[in-house]
Amino acid sequence: MGEIMLLIFVFVIAGFLGVELISKVPSQLHTPLMSGTNAISGITIVGAMSATAVAVLAPSSTLGMVFGIIAIVLAAINVVGGYLVTDRMLGMFKKKGDKQK
C-alpha cells in the first residue's frame, strides 16, 4: 500500500510541475519544446512496448497486457499529434510566397 501511495504522490507532483513549467515557456520556444516532447514520447512508446511484452509472457496478466496496449496507443497518438502541431507551427514562420513541399 505504501508503494502505491508513493507512486501516486510522484505522479501528482510531476503533473503539477509539468503544468507550471509549460505555462512559463515563451511562445518562441514552443516548437523546440514540442520536438523534445516528441522524443520523450518515443521513449514512452518503447517502454510501453517492453512492458506489454513482459505482460504477454506472464501466464495470467491480461490486465497488464490491456494497459500496455492502451499505453502504446496513447503514446503513439501523442507523438503524431506533436509532429502535426510542430509542422503547423513551423508553417507559420514561412513566407507567404514560399511553396509548400
Protein backbone atom coordinates (compact mmCIF):
# COMPACT_ATOMS: atom_id res chain seq x y z
CA MET A 1 0.00 0.00 0.00
CA GLY A 2 2.88 2.39 0.79
CA GLU A 3 4.44 1.94 -2.65
CA ILE A 4 1.19 2.79 -4.41
CA MET A 5 0.77 5.97 -2.35
CA LEU A 6 4.35 6.99 -3.15
CA LEU A 7 3.79 6.41 -6.87
CA ILE A 8 0.54 8.40 -6.81
CA PHE A 9 2.32 11.22 -4.94
CA VAL A 10 5.13 11.32 -7.53
CA PHE A 11 2.57 11.30 -10.37
CA VAL A 12 0.60 14.20 -8.89
CA ILE A 13 3.73 16.27 -8.19
CA ALA A 14 5.01 15.60 -11.73
CA GLY A 15 1.66 16.74 -13.14
CA PHE A 16 1.70 19.99 -11.18
CA LEU A 17 5.34 20.60 -12.08
CA GLY A 18 4.64 19.96 -15.77
CA VAL A 19 1.73 22.39 -15.88
CA GLU A 20 3.74 25.05 -14.06
CA LEU A 21 6.75 24.59 -16.32
CA ILE A 22 4.80 24.64 -19.61
CA SER A 23 2.79 27.71 -18.61
CA LYS A 24 6.02 29.71 -18.17
CA VAL A 25 7.58 28.83 -21.56
CA PRO A 26 7.63 31.76 -24.02
CA SER A 27 5.86 31.20 -27.32
CA GLN A 28 9.15 31.30 -29.29
CA LEU A 29 10.29 28.13 -27.55
CA HIS A 30 7.17 26.03 -28.07
CA THR A 31 8.36 24.41 -31.32
CA PRO A 32 11.71 23.20 -29.89
CA LEU A 33 9.87 22.10 -26.76
CA MET A 34 7.43 20.06 -28.87
CA SER A 35 10.37 18.35 -30.59
CA GLY A 36 11.79 17.38 -27.22
CA THR A 37 8.40 16.18 -26.08
CA ASN A 38 8.09 14.00 -29.18
CA ALA A 39 11.43 12.39 -28.36
CA ILE A 40 10.26 11.66 -24.82
CA SER A 41 7.01 10.21 -26.18
CA GLY A 42 9.03 7.96 -28.48
CA ILE A 43 10.83 6.64 -25.40
CA THR A 44 7.43 6.15 -23.76
CA ILE A 45 6.33 4.00 -26.70
CA VAL A 46 9.43 1.81 -26.31
CA GLY A 47 8.77 1.46 -22.58
CA ALA A 48 5.11 0.61 -23.15
CA MET A 49 6.08 -1.99 -25.74
CA SER A 50 8.57 -3.53 -23.32
CA ALA A 51 6.02 -3.63 -20.51
CA THR A 52 3.43 -5.15 -22.84
CA ALA A 53 5.91 -7.81 -23.98
CA VAL A 54 6.56 -8.77 -20.35
CA ALA A 55 2.79 -8.90 -19.71
CA VAL A 56 2.25 -11.13 -22.76
CA LEU A 57 4.84 -13.61 -21.48
CA ALA A 58 3.26 -13.74 -18.00
CA PRO A 59 0.76 -16.59 -17.63
CA SER A 60 -2.17 -14.63 -16.15
CA SER A 61 -1.58 -10.99 -16.92
CA THR A 62 -4.45 -9.99 -19.18
CA LEU A 63 -4.96 -6.70 -17.35
CA GLY A 64 -1.29 -5.78 -17.77
CA MET A 65 -1.48 -6.57 -21.47
CA VAL A 66 -4.59 -4.40 -21.90
CA PHE A 67 -2.99 -1.48 -20.05
CA GLY A 68 0.18 -1.91 -22.12
CA ILE A 69 -1.75 -1.75 -25.39
CA ILE A 70 -3.63 1.33 -24.18
CA ALA A 71 -0.29 2.94 -23.23
CA ILE A 72 1.13 2.21 -26.69
CA VAL A 73 -1.91 3.70 -28.44
CA LEU A 74 -1.97 6.85 -26.28
CA ALA A 75 1.77 7.45 -26.66
CA ALA A 76 1.51 6.97 -30.43
CA ILE A 77 -1.35 9.49 -30.59
CA ASN A 78 0.80 11.90 -28.58
CA VAL A 79 3.76 11.53 -30.96
CA VAL A 80 1.67 12.00 -34.11
CA GLY A 81 -0.17 14.97 -32.63
CA GLY A 82 3.09 16.55 -31.53
CA TYR A 83 4.56 16.25 -35.01
CA LEU A 84 1.41 17.74 -36.55
CA VAL A 85 1.47 20.68 -34.15
CA THR A 86 5.21 21.23 -34.75
CA ASP A 87 4.69 21.16 -38.51
CA ARG A 88 1.84 23.63 -38.28
CA MET A 89 3.85 25.99 -36.07
CA LEU A 90 6.85 25.83 -38.41
CA GLY A 91 4.47 26.62 -41.30
CA MET A 92 3.54 29.84 -39.56
CA PHE A 93 7.14 31.07 -39.92
CA LYS A 94 7.31 30.53 -43.71
CA LYS A 95 6.94 33.46 -46.04
CA LYS A 96 3.62 33.80 -47.82
CA GLY A 97 5.20 33.35 -51.27
CA ASP A 98 7.08 30.13 -50.39
CA LYS A 99 5.81 26.93 -51.97
CA GLN A 100 4.67 24.02 -49.85
CA LYS A 101 6.80 20.92 -50.33
